[in-house]
PDB file of N, CA and C in Angstrom:
ATOM      1  N   MET A   1       1.368  -1.621   1.515  1.00  0.00           N
ATOM      2  CA  MET A   1       0.688  -0.543   0.818  1.00  0.00           C
ATOM      3  C   MET A   1      -0.315  -1.149  -0.160  1.00  0.00           C
ATOM      4  N   LEU A   2      -1.507  -0.606  -0.129  1.00  0.00           N
ATOM      5  CA  LEU A   2      -2.597  -1.069  -0.977  1.00  0.00           C
ATOM      6  C   LEU A   2      -3.008   0.087  -1.879  1.00  0.00           C
ATOM      7  N   LYS A   3      -2.980  -0.133  -3.199  1.00  0.00           N
ATOM      8  CA  LYS A   3      -3.392   0.905  -4.142  1.00  0.00           C
ATOM      9  C   LYS A   3      -4.684   0.473  -4.804  1.00  0.00           C
ATOM     10  N   LEU A   4      -5.629   1.415  -4.875  1.00  0.00           N
ATOM     11  CA  LEU A   4      -6.859   1.112  -5.570  1.00  0.00           C
ATOM     12  C   LEU A   4      -7.355   2.316  -6.337  1.00  0.00           C
ATOM     13  N   ILE A   5      -8.140   2.028  -7.367  1.00  0.00           N
ATOM     14  CA  ILE A   5      -8.800   3.068  -8.136  1.00  0.00           C
ATOM     15  C   ILE A   5     -10.279   2.952  -7.823  1.00  0.00           C
ATOM     16  N   VAL A   6     -10.846   4.050  -7.347  1.00  0.00           N
ATOM     17  CA  VAL A   6     -12.247   4.067  -6.944  1.00  0.00           C
ATOM     18  C   VAL A   6     -13.021   4.899  -7.956  1.00  0.00           C
ATOM     19  N   SER A   7     -14.063   4.293  -8.530  1.00  0.00           N
ATOM     20  CA  SER A   7     -14.891   5.019  -9.482  1.00  0.00           C
ATOM     21  C   SER A   7     -16.329   5.064  -8.988  1.00  0.00           C
ATOM     22  N   ASN A   8     -16.991   6.167  -9.304  1.00  0.00           N
ATOM     23  CA  ASN A   8     -18.401   6.333  -8.967  1.00  0.00           C
ATOM     24  C   ASN A   8     -19.199   5.984 -10.216  1.00  0.00           C
ATOM     25  N   ALA A   9     -20.012   4.938 -10.149  1.00  0.00           N
ATOM     26  CA  ALA A   9     -20.764   4.470 -11.308  1.00  0.00           C
ATOM     27  C   ALA A   9     -21.785   5.502 -11.792  1.00  0.00           C
ATOM     28  N   LEU A  10     -22.254   6.384 -10.910  1.00  0.00           N
ATOM     29  CA  LEU A  10     -23.246   7.387 -11.304  1.00  0.00           C
ATOM     30  C   LEU A  10     -22.623   8.586 -12.000  1.00  0.00           C
ATOM     31  N   THR A  11     -21.497   9.062 -11.471  1.00  0.00           N
ATOM     32  CA  THR A  11     -20.896  10.290 -12.001  1.00  0.00           C
ATOM     33  C   THR A  11     -19.731  10.027 -12.942  1.00  0.00           C
ATOM     34  N   GLY A  12     -19.160   8.833 -12.889  1.00  0.00           N
ATOM     35  CA  GLY A  12     -17.990   8.521 -13.705  1.00  0.00           C
ATOM     36  C   GLY A  12     -16.695   9.048 -13.122  1.00  0.00           C
ATOM     37  N   GLU A  13     -16.766   9.733 -11.986  1.00  0.00           N
ATOM     38  CA  GLU A  13     -15.558  10.266 -11.354  1.00  0.00           C
ATOM     39  C   GLU A  13     -14.695   9.131 -10.818  1.00  0.00           C
ATOM     40  N   CYS A  14     -13.373   9.299 -10.943  1.00  0.00           N
ATOM     41  CA  CYS A  14     -12.414   8.307 -10.442  1.00  0.00           C
ATOM     42  C   CYS A  14     -11.412   8.991  -9.530  1.00  0.00           C
ATOM     43  N   GLN A  15     -10.941   8.246  -8.564  1.00  0.00           N
ATOM     44  CA  GLN A  15      -9.861   8.724  -7.705  1.00  0.00           C
ATOM     45  C   GLN A  15      -8.939   7.550  -7.406  1.00  0.00           C
ATOM     46  N   GLU A  16      -7.668   7.854  -7.289  1.00  0.00           N
ATOM     47  CA  GLU A  16      -6.702   6.830  -6.902  1.00  0.00           C
ATOM     48  C   GLU A  16      -6.432   6.993  -5.417  1.00  0.00           C
ATOM     49  N   ALA A  17      -6.393   5.877  -4.712  1.00  0.00           N
ATOM     50  CA  ALA A  17      -6.151   5.922  -3.275  1.00  0.00           C
ATOM     51  C   ALA A  17      -5.043   4.949  -2.916  1.00  0.00           C
ATOM     52  N   THR A  18      -4.188   5.371  -1.999  1.00  0.00           N
ATOM     53  CA  THR A  18      -3.160   4.504  -1.441  1.00  0.00           C
ATOM     54  C   THR A  18      -3.427   4.404   0.050  1.00  0.00           C
ATOM     55  N   LEU A  19      -3.649   3.191   0.521  1.00  0.00           N
ATOM     56  CA  LEU A  19      -3.934   2.955   1.934  1.00  0.00           C
ATOM     57  C   LEU A  19      -2.805   2.158   2.558  1.00  0.00           C
ATOM     58  N   THR A  20      -2.395   2.564   3.739  1.00  0.00           N
ATOM     59  CA  THR A  20      -1.307   1.884   4.444  1.00  0.00           C
ATOM     60  C   THR A  20      -1.726   1.601   5.885  1.00  0.00           C
ATOM     61  N   PRO A  21      -2.627   0.647   6.084  1.00  0.00           N
ATOM     62  CA  PRO A  21      -3.074   0.360   7.450  1.00  0.00           C
ATOM     63  C   PRO A  21      -1.947  -0.092   8.364  1.00  0.00           C
ATOM     64  N   GLU A  22      -0.916  -0.694   7.788  1.00  0.00           N
ATOM     65  CA  GLU A  22       0.199  -1.175   8.606  1.00  0.00           C
ATOM     66  C   GLU A  22       0.984  -0.032   9.245  1.00  0.00           C
ATOM     67  N   LEU A  23       0.795   1.189   8.766  1.00  0.00           N
ATOM     68  CA  LEU A  23       1.523   2.335   9.304  1.00  0.00           C
ATOM     69  C   LEU A  23       0.693   3.171  10.279  1.00  0.00           C
ATOM     70  N   THR A  24      -0.568   2.839  10.464  1.00  0.00           N
ATOM     71  CA  THR A  24      -1.411   3.617  11.375  1.00  0.00           C
ATOM     72  C   THR A  24      -1.328   3.044  12.784  1.00  0.00           C
ATOM     73  N   PRO A  25      -1.513   3.886  13.801  1.00  0.00           N
ATOM     74  CA  PRO A  25      -1.460   3.382  15.183  1.00  0.00           C
ATOM     75  C   PRO A  25      -2.495   2.288  15.462  1.00  0.00           C
ATOM     76  N   GLN A  26      -3.671   2.384  14.816  1.00  0.00           N
ATOM     77  CA  GLN A  26      -4.719   1.390  15.036  1.00  0.00           C
ATOM     78  C   GLN A  26      -4.547   0.159  14.149  1.00  0.00           C
ATOM     79  N   GLY A  27      -3.661   0.247  13.159  1.00  0.00           N
ATOM     80  CA  GLY A  27      -3.451  -0.874  12.240  1.00  0.00           C
ATOM     81  C   GLY A  27      -4.596  -1.072  11.269  1.00  0.00           C
ATOM     82  N   GLU A  28      -5.323   0.017  10.977  1.00  0.00           N
ATOM     83  CA  GLU A  28      -6.466  -0.097  10.075  1.00  0.00           C
ATOM     84  C   GLU A  28      -6.686   1.209   9.329  1.00  0.00           C
ATOM     85  N   CYS A  29      -7.356   1.114   8.182  1.00  0.00           N
ATOM     86  CA  CYS A  29      -7.805   2.275   7.431  1.00  0.00           C
ATOM     87  C   CYS A  29      -9.318   2.191   7.332  1.00  0.00           C
ATOM     88  N   LEU A  30      -9.989   3.274   7.685  1.00  0.00           N
ATOM     89  CA  LEU A  30     -11.443   3.309   7.670  1.00  0.00           C
ATOM     90  C   LEU A  30     -11.958   3.832   6.336  1.00  0.00           C
ATOM     91  N   VAL A  31     -13.086   3.263   5.896  1.00  0.00           N
ATOM     92  CA  VAL A  31     -13.735   3.654   4.652  1.00  0.00           C
ATOM     93  C   VAL A  31     -15.168   4.060   4.992  1.00  0.00           C
ATOM     94  N   GLY A  32     -15.591   5.233   4.512  1.00  0.00           N
ATOM     95  CA  GLY A  32     -16.957   5.685   4.768  1.00  0.00           C
ATOM     96  C   GLY A  32     -17.152   7.108   4.300  1.00  0.00           C
ATOM     97  N   ARG A  33     -18.299   7.679   4.654  1.00  0.00           N
ATOM     98  CA  ARG A  33     -18.560   9.052   4.216  1.00  0.00           C
ATOM     99  C   ARG A  33     -18.122  10.099   5.240  1.00  0.00           C
ATOM    100  N   ALA A  34     -17.764   9.681   6.456  1.00  0.00           N
ATOM    101  CA  ALA A  34     -17.283  10.623   7.471  1.00  0.00           C
ATOM    102  C   ALA A  34     -15.935  11.203   7.046  1.00  0.00           C
ATOM    103  N   LEU A  35     -15.742  12.455   7.333  1.00  0.00           N
ATOM    104  CA  LEU A  35     -14.515  13.134   6.905  1.00  0.00           C
ATOM    105  C   LEU A  35     -13.265  12.605   7.586  1.00  0.00           C
ATOM    106  N   ASN A  36     -13.408  11.930   8.723  1.00  0.00           N
ATOM    107  CA  ASN A  36     -12.231  11.395   9.403  1.00  0.00           C
ATOM    108  C   ASN A  36     -11.834  10.007   8.884  1.00  0.00           C
ATOM    109  N   CYS A  37     -12.548   9.478   7.895  1.00  0.00           N
ATOM    110  CA  CYS A  37     -12.167   8.189   7.301  1.00  0.00           C
ATOM    111  C   CYS A  37     -10.934   8.370   6.417  1.00  0.00           C
ATOM    112  N   ASP A  38     -10.167   7.305   6.273  1.00  0.00           N
ATOM    113  CA  ASP A  38      -8.976   7.346   5.421  1.00  0.00           C
ATOM    114  C   ASP A  38      -9.351   7.396   3.942  1.00  0.00           C
ATOM    115  N   LEU A  39     -10.461   6.767   3.584  1.00  0.00           N
ATOM    116  CA  LEU A  39     -11.001   6.837   2.225  1.00  0.00           C
ATOM    117  C   LEU A  39     -12.444   7.311   2.353  1.00  0.00           C
ATOM    118  N   VAL A  40     -12.698   8.544   1.898  1.00  0.00           N
ATOM    119  CA  VAL A  40     -14.023   9.156   2.021  1.00  0.00           C
ATOM    120  C   VAL A  40     -14.794   8.939   0.720  1.00  0.00           C
ATOM    121  N   LEU A  41     -15.992   8.355   0.849  1.00  0.00           N
ATOM    122  CA  LEU A  41     -16.891   8.124  -0.280  1.00  0.00           C
ATOM    123  C   LEU A  41     -18.151   8.946  -0.027  1.00  0.00           C
ATOM    124  N   GLU A  42     -18.332   9.992  -0.818  1.00  0.00           N
ATOM    125  CA  GLU A  42     -19.413  10.944  -0.575  1.00  0.00           C
ATOM    126  C   GLU A  42     -20.717  10.469  -1.199  1.00  0.00           C
ATOM    127  N   SER A  43     -21.528   9.801  -0.383  1.00  0.00           N
ATOM    128  CA  SER A  43     -22.852   9.350  -0.804  1.00  0.00           C
ATOM    129  C   SER A  43     -23.663   9.023   0.442  1.00  0.00           C
ATOM    130  N   ARG A  44     -24.950   9.345   0.417  1.00  0.00           N
ATOM    131  CA  ARG A  44     -25.821   9.013   1.545  1.00  0.00           C
ATOM    132  C   ARG A  44     -26.010   7.501   1.667  1.00  0.00           C
ATOM    133  N   ASP A  45     -25.712   6.754   0.610  1.00  0.00           N
ATOM    134  CA  ASP A  45     -25.838   5.291   0.635  1.00  0.00           C
ATOM    135  C   ASP A  45     -24.643   4.610   1.288  1.00  0.00           C
ATOM    136  N   VAL A  46     -23.618   5.384   1.596  1.00  0.00           N
ATOM    137  CA  VAL A  46     -22.426   4.872   2.278  1.00  0.00           C
ATOM    138  C   VAL A  46     -22.551   5.245   3.751  1.00  0.00           C
ATOM    139  N   SER A  47     -22.346   4.290   4.633  1.00  0.00           N
ATOM    140  CA  SER A  47     -22.414   4.573   6.070  1.00  0.00           C
ATOM    141  C   SER A  47     -21.277   5.504   6.478  1.00  0.00           C
ATOM    142  N   ARG A  48     -21.462   6.208   7.586  1.00  0.00           N
ATOM    143  CA  ARG A  48     -20.421   7.140   8.045  1.00  0.00           C
ATOM    144  C   ARG A  48     -19.082   6.424   8.183  1.00  0.00           C
ATOM    145  N   VAL A  49     -19.080   5.296   8.864  1.00  0.00           N
ATOM    146  CA  VAL A  49     -17.896   4.426   8.919  1.00  0.00           C
ATOM    147  C   VAL A  49     -18.382   3.068   8.418  1.00  0.00           C
ATOM    148  N   HIS A  50     -18.181   2.825   7.150  1.00  0.00           N
ATOM    149  CA  HIS A  50     -18.769   1.694   6.434  1.00  0.00           C
ATOM    150  C   HIS A  50     -17.970   0.406   6.626  1.00  0.00           C
ATOM    151  N   SER A  51     -16.646   0.531   6.519  1.00  0.00           N
ATOM    152  CA  SER A  51     -15.799  -0.662   6.559  1.00  0.00           C
ATOM    153  C   SER A  51     -14.383  -0.276   6.960  1.00  0.00           C
ATOM    154  N   LYS A  52     -13.554  -1.301   7.088  1.00  0.00           N
ATOM    155  CA  LYS A  52     -12.142  -1.042   7.391  1.00  0.00           C
ATOM    156  C   LYS A  52     -11.281  -2.035   6.628  1.00  0.00           C
ATOM    157  N   ILE A  53     -10.042  -1.624   6.405  1.00  0.00           N
ATOM    158  CA  ILE A  53      -9.033  -2.492   5.799  1.00  0.00           C
ATOM    159  C   ILE A  53      -7.909  -2.622   6.813  1.00  0.00           C
ATOM    160  N   THR A  54      -7.543  -3.858   7.095  1.00  0.00           N
ATOM    161  CA  THR A  54      -6.505  -4.152   8.083  1.00  0.00           C
ATOM    162  C   THR A  54      -5.469  -5.079   7.459  1.00  0.00           C
ATOM    163  N   VAL A  55      -4.377  -5.283   8.190  1.00  0.00           N
ATOM    164  CA  VAL A  55      -3.385  -6.295   7.812  1.00  0.00           C
ATOM    165  C   VAL A  55      -3.388  -7.345   8.907  1.00  0.00           C
ATOM    166  N   GLN A  56      -3.616  -8.597   8.512  1.00  0.00           N
ATOM    167  CA  GLN A  56      -3.622  -9.699   9.466  1.00  0.00           C
ATOM    168  C   GLN A  56      -2.825 -10.850   8.878  1.00  0.00           C
ATOM    169  N   ALA A  57      -1.868 -11.319   9.643  1.00  0.00           N
ATOM    170  CA  ALA A  57      -0.983 -12.407   9.201  1.00  0.00           C
ATOM    171  C   ALA A  57      -0.359 -12.085   7.845  1.00  0.00           C
ATOM    172  N   GLY A  58       0.001 -10.815   7.652  1.00  0.00           N
ATOM    173  CA  GLY A  58       0.674 -10.402   6.427  1.00  0.00           C
ATOM    174  C   GLY A  58      -0.229 -10.211   5.226  1.00  0.00           C
ATOM    175  N   LYS A  59      -1.551 -10.313   5.402  1.00  0.00           N
ATOM    176  CA  LYS A  59      -2.486 -10.153   4.292  1.00  0.00           C
ATOM    177  C   LYS A  59      -3.448  -9.007   4.590  1.00  0.00           C
ATOM    178  N   TYR A  60      -3.816  -8.279   3.531  1.00  0.00           N
ATOM    179  CA  TYR A  60      -4.815  -7.232   3.671  1.00  0.00           C
ATOM    180  C   TYR A  60      -6.190  -7.874   3.762  1.00  0.00           C
ATOM    181  N   CYS A  61      -7.000  -7.370   4.685  1.00  0.00           N
ATOM    182  CA  CYS A  61      -8.350  -7.898   4.890  1.00  0.00           C
ATOM    183  C   CYS A  61      -9.354  -6.756   4.867  1.00  0.00           C
ATOM    184  N   TYR A  62     -10.528  -7.045   4.318  1.00  0.00           N
ATOM    185  CA  TYR A  62     -11.634  -6.095   4.256  1.00  0.00           C
ATOM    186  C   TYR A  62     -12.717  -6.557   5.220  1.00  0.00           C
ATOM    187  N   THR A  63     -13.252  -5.624   6.006  1.00  0.00           N
ATOM    188  CA  THR A  63     -14.308  -5.936   6.957  1.00  0.00           C
ATOM    189  C   THR A  63     -15.412  -4.897   6.853  1.00  0.00           C
ATOM    190  N   ASP A  64     -16.625  -5.336   6.537  1.00  0.00           N
ATOM    191  CA  ASP A  64     -17.792  -4.460   6.582  1.00  0.00           C
ATOM    192  C   ASP A  64     -18.179  -4.327   8.054  1.00  0.00           C
ATOM    193  N   LEU A  65     -18.370  -3.108   8.511  1.00  0.00           N
ATOM    194  CA  LEU A  65     -18.620  -2.859   9.932  1.00  0.00           C
ATOM    195  C   LEU A  65     -20.110  -2.811  10.273  1.00  0.00           C
ATOM    196  N   GLY A  66     -20.909  -3.616   9.586  1.00  0.00           N
ATOM    197  CA  GLY A  66     -22.347  -3.632   9.840  1.00  0.00           C
ATOM    198  C   GLY A  66     -23.058  -2.477   9.166  1.00  0.00           C
ATOM    199  N   SER A  67     -22.576  -2.078   7.998  1.00  0.00           N
ATOM    200  CA  SER A  67     -23.144  -0.942   7.276  1.00  0.00           C
ATOM    201  C   SER A  67     -24.598  -1.209   6.881  1.00  0.00           C
ATOM    202  N   ALA A  68     -25.340  -0.132   6.661  1.00  0.00           N
ATOM    203  CA  ALA A  68     -26.760  -0.246   6.314  1.00  0.00           C
ATOM    204  C   ALA A  68     -26.977  -0.898   4.951  1.00  0.00           C
ATOM    205  N   ASN A  69     -26.115  -0.614   3.982  1.00  0.00           N
ATOM    206  CA  ASN A  69     -26.324  -1.106   2.617  1.00  0.00           C
ATOM    207  C   ASN A  69     -25.352  -2.195   2.189  1.00  0.00           C
ATOM    208  N   GLY A  70     -24.454  -2.599   3.052  1.00  0.00           N
ATOM    209  CA  GLY A  70     -23.565  -3.712   2.762  1.00  0.00           C
ATOM    210  C   GLY A  70     -22.430  -3.390   1.808  1.00  0.00           C
ATOM    211  N   SER A  71     -21.602  -4.415   1.572  1.00  0.00           N
ATOM    212  CA  SER A  71     -20.445  -4.340   0.686  1.00  0.00           C
ATOM    213  C   SER A  71     -20.371  -5.634  -0.112  1.00  0.00           C
ATOM    214  N   TYR A  72     -19.684  -5.557  -1.251  1.00  0.00           N
ATOM    215  CA  TYR A  72     -19.506  -6.733  -2.103  1.00  0.00           C
ATOM    216  C   TYR A  72     -18.060  -6.805  -2.557  1.00  0.00           C
ATOM    217  N   ILE A  73     -17.496  -7.996  -2.556  1.00  0.00           N
ATOM    218  CA  ILE A  73     -16.179  -8.234  -3.141  1.00  0.00           C
ATOM    219  C   ILE A  73     -16.390  -9.201  -4.289  1.00  0.00           C
ATOM    220  N   ASN A  74     -16.011  -8.769  -5.495  1.00  0.00           N
ATOM    221  CA  ASN A  74     -16.196  -9.581  -6.703  1.00  0.00           C
ATOM    222  C   ASN A  74     -17.637 -10.076  -6.815  1.00  0.00           C
ATOM    223  N   ASN A  75     -18.582  -9.163  -6.570  1.00  0.00           N
ATOM    224  CA  ASN A  75     -20.029  -9.415  -6.654  1.00  0.00           C
ATOM    225  C   ASN A  75     -20.569 -10.397  -5.624  1.00  0.00           C
ATOM    226  N   LYS A  76     -19.786 -10.729  -4.630  1.00  0.00           N
ATOM    227  CA  LYS A  76     -20.244 -11.599  -3.544  1.00  0.00           C
ATOM    228  C   LYS A  76     -20.445 -10.733  -2.308  1.00  0.00           C
ATOM    229  N   GLU A  77     -21.630 -10.855  -1.693  1.00  0.00           N
ATOM    230  CA  GLU A  77     -21.927 -10.043  -0.516  1.00  0.00           C
ATOM    231  C   GLU A  77     -20.985 -10.384   0.634  1.00  0.00           C
ATOM    232  N   VAL A  78     -20.457  -9.348   1.264  1.00  0.00           N
ATOM    233  CA  VAL A  78     -19.560  -9.500   2.406  1.00  0.00           C
ATOM    234  C   VAL A  78     -20.413  -9.594   3.669  1.00  0.00           C
ATOM    235  N   GLN A  79     -20.139 -10.573   4.486  1.00  0.00           N
ATOM    236  CA  GLN A  79     -20.856 -10.718   5.751  1.00  0.00           C
ATOM    237  C   GLN A  79     -20.304  -9.698   6.757  1.00  0.00           C
ATOM    238  N   PRO A  80     -21.185  -9.010   7.484  1.00  0.00           N
ATOM    239  CA  PRO A  80     -20.726  -8.004   8.446  1.00  0.00           C
ATOM    240  C   PRO A  80     -19.772  -8.594   9.485  1.00  0.00           C
ATOM    241  N   HIS A  81     -18.756  -7.817   9.808  1.00  0.00           N
ATOM    242  CA  HIS A  81     -17.777  -8.134  10.859  1.00  0.00           C
ATOM    243  C   HIS A  81     -16.974  -9.406  10.565  1.00  0.00           C
ATOM    244  N   GLN A  82     -16.891  -9.786   9.307  1.00  0.00           N
ATOM    245  CA  GLN A  82     -16.088 -10.947   8.902  1.00  0.00           C
ATOM    246  C   GLN A  82     -14.924 -10.446   8.056  1.00  0.00           C
ATOM    247  N   ASN A  83     -13.714 -10.891   8.357  1.00  0.00           N
ATOM    248  CA  ASN A  83     -12.536 -10.477   7.600  1.00  0.00           C
ATOM    249  C   ASN A  83     -12.450 -11.274   6.307  1.00  0.00           C
ATOM    250  N   ASP A  84     -12.352 -10.562   5.185  1.00  0.00           N
ATOM    251  CA  ASP A  84     -12.181 -11.194   3.882  1.00  0.00           C
ATOM    252  C   ASP A  84     -10.824 -10.793   3.323  1.00  0.00           C
ATOM    253  N   ALA A  85      -9.980 -11.778   3.017  1.00  0.00           N
ATOM    254  CA  ALA A  85      -8.653 -11.504   2.465  1.00  0.00           C
ATOM    255  C   ALA A  85      -8.789 -10.872   1.084  1.00  0.00           C
ATOM    256  N   LEU A  86      -7.943  -9.886   0.806  1.00  0.00           N
ATOM    257  CA  LEU A  86      -7.952  -9.188  -0.475  1.00  0.00           C
ATOM    258  C   LEU A  86      -6.765  -9.615  -1.318  1.00  0.00           C
ATOM    259  N   LYS A  87      -6.953  -9.558  -2.635  1.00  0.00           N
ATOM    260  CA  LYS A  87      -5.853  -9.837  -3.556  1.00  0.00           C
ATOM    261  C   LYS A  87      -5.930  -8.863  -4.733  1.00  0.00           C
ATOM    262  N   THR A  88      -4.832  -8.732  -5.446  1.00  0.00           N
ATOM    263  CA  THR A  88      -4.788  -7.846  -6.602  1.00  0.00           C
ATOM    264  C   THR A  88      -5.909  -8.205  -7.571  1.00  0.00           C
ATOM    265  N   ASN A  89      -6.514  -7.186  -8.157  1.00  0.00           N
ATOM    266  CA  ASN A  89      -7.620  -7.281  -9.120  1.00  0.00           C
ATOM    267  C   ASN A  89      -8.982  -7.537  -8.486  1.00  0.00           C
ATOM    268  N   ASP A  90      -9.073  -7.633  -7.163  1.00  0.00           N
ATOM    269  CA  ASP A  90     -10.382  -7.732  -6.528  1.00  0.00           C
ATOM    270  C   ASP A  90     -11.157  -6.437  -6.768  1.00  0.00           C
ATOM    271  N   LEU A  91     -12.482  -6.554  -6.828  1.00  0.00           N
ATOM    272  CA  LEU A  91     -13.364  -5.397  -6.943  1.00  0.00           C
ATOM    273  C   LEU A  91     -14.206  -5.301  -5.682  1.00  0.00           C
ATOM    274  N   ILE A  92     -14.144  -4.152  -5.029  1.00  0.00           N
ATOM    275  CA  ILE A  92     -14.946  -3.901  -3.831  1.00  0.00           C
ATOM    276  C   ILE A  92     -16.039  -2.914  -4.220  1.00  0.00           C
ATOM    277  N   ARG A  93     -17.291  -3.283  -3.977  1.00  0.00           N
ATOM    278  CA  ARG A  93     -18.407  -2.383  -4.290  1.00  0.00           C
ATOM    279  C   ARG A  93     -19.090  -1.939  -3.006  1.00  0.00           C
ATOM    280  N   ILE A  94     -19.185  -0.621  -2.870  1.00  0.00           N
ATOM    281  CA  ILE A  94     -19.892   0.019  -1.762  1.00  0.00           C
ATOM    282  C   ILE A  94     -20.834   1.031  -2.399  1.00  0.00           C
ATOM    283  N   ALA A  95     -22.137   0.785  -2.310  1.00  0.00           N
ATOM    284  CA  ALA A  95     -23.142   1.650  -2.939  1.00  0.00           C
ATOM    285  C   ALA A  95     -22.800   1.796  -4.422  1.00  0.00           C
ATOM    286  N   ASP A  96     -22.642   3.030  -4.906  1.00  0.00           N
ATOM    287  CA  ASP A  96     -22.336   3.254  -6.323  1.00  0.00           C
ATOM    288  C   ASP A  96     -20.841   3.344  -6.594  1.00  0.00           C
ATOM    289  N   PHE A  97     -20.020   3.012  -5.615  1.00  0.00           N
ATOM    290  CA  PHE A  97     -18.570   3.084  -5.763  1.00  0.00           C
ATOM    291  C   PHE A  97     -17.996   1.693  -6.000  1.00  0.00           C
ATOM    292  N   ILE A  98     -17.047   1.623  -6.926  1.00  0.00           N
ATOM    293  CA  ILE A  98     -16.339   0.374  -7.184  1.00  0.00           C
ATOM    294  C   ILE A  98     -14.854   0.654  -7.037  1.00  0.00           C
ATOM    295  N   GLY A  99     -14.221  -0.089  -6.135  1.00  0.00           N
ATOM    296  CA  GLY A  99     -12.783   0.032  -5.920  1.00  0.00           C
ATOM    297  C   GLY A  99     -12.077  -1.155  -6.544  1.00  0.00           C
ATOM    298  N   SER A 100     -11.158  -0.880  -7.435  1.00  0.00           N
ATOM    299  CA  SER A 100     -10.379  -1.925  -8.093  1.00  0.00           C
ATOM    300  C   SER A 100      -8.978  -1.943  -7.486  1.00  0.00           C
ATOM    301  N   LEU A 101      -8.594  -3.082  -6.913  1.00  0.00           N
ATOM    302  CA  LEU A 101      -7.276  -3.188  -6.286  1.00  0.00           C
ATOM    303  C   LEU A 101      -6.232  -3.383  -7.371  1.00  0.00           C
ATOM    304  N   VAL A 102      -5.369  -2.405  -7.545  1.00  0.00           N
ATOM    305  CA  VAL A 102      -4.368  -2.477  -8.599  1.00  0.00           C
ATOM    306  C   VAL A 102      -3.005  -2.924  -8.091  1.00  0.00           C
ATOM    307  N   GLN A 103      -2.788  -2.832  -6.787  1.00  0.00           N
ATOM    308  CA  GLN A 103      -1.499  -3.262  -6.237  1.00  0.00           C
ATOM    309  C   GLN A 103      -1.653  -3.587  -4.765  1.00  0.00           C
ATOM    310  N   ILE A 104      -1.097  -4.726  -4.400  1.00  0.00           N
ATOM    311  CA  ILE A 104      -1.063  -5.108  -2.983  1.00  0.00           C
ATOM    312  C   ILE A 104       0.381  -5.372  -2.628  1.00  0.00           C
TER     313      ILE A 104
END
């Protein structure tokens, strides 16, 4: 189970999200602006299906799915289609949204 707090830098709105990719049939949680994503981020700067979070070898991984505006982990640009291991206190930035990992 992965817990994060997502804040919108423009509006100041925050939401808490709990993602459990290990419990889904596909083994992943999708992030994007499409309503069928597990974590929906409402902004035109977020791709419909922007990224995914998976569990690989017992670790949570973040993968940008070739989004138009990219993603950043701890202010470092994420390369498209590359799995990046996540750890507690990491910051994921997608457009004006910042997700802070509070529990892994």
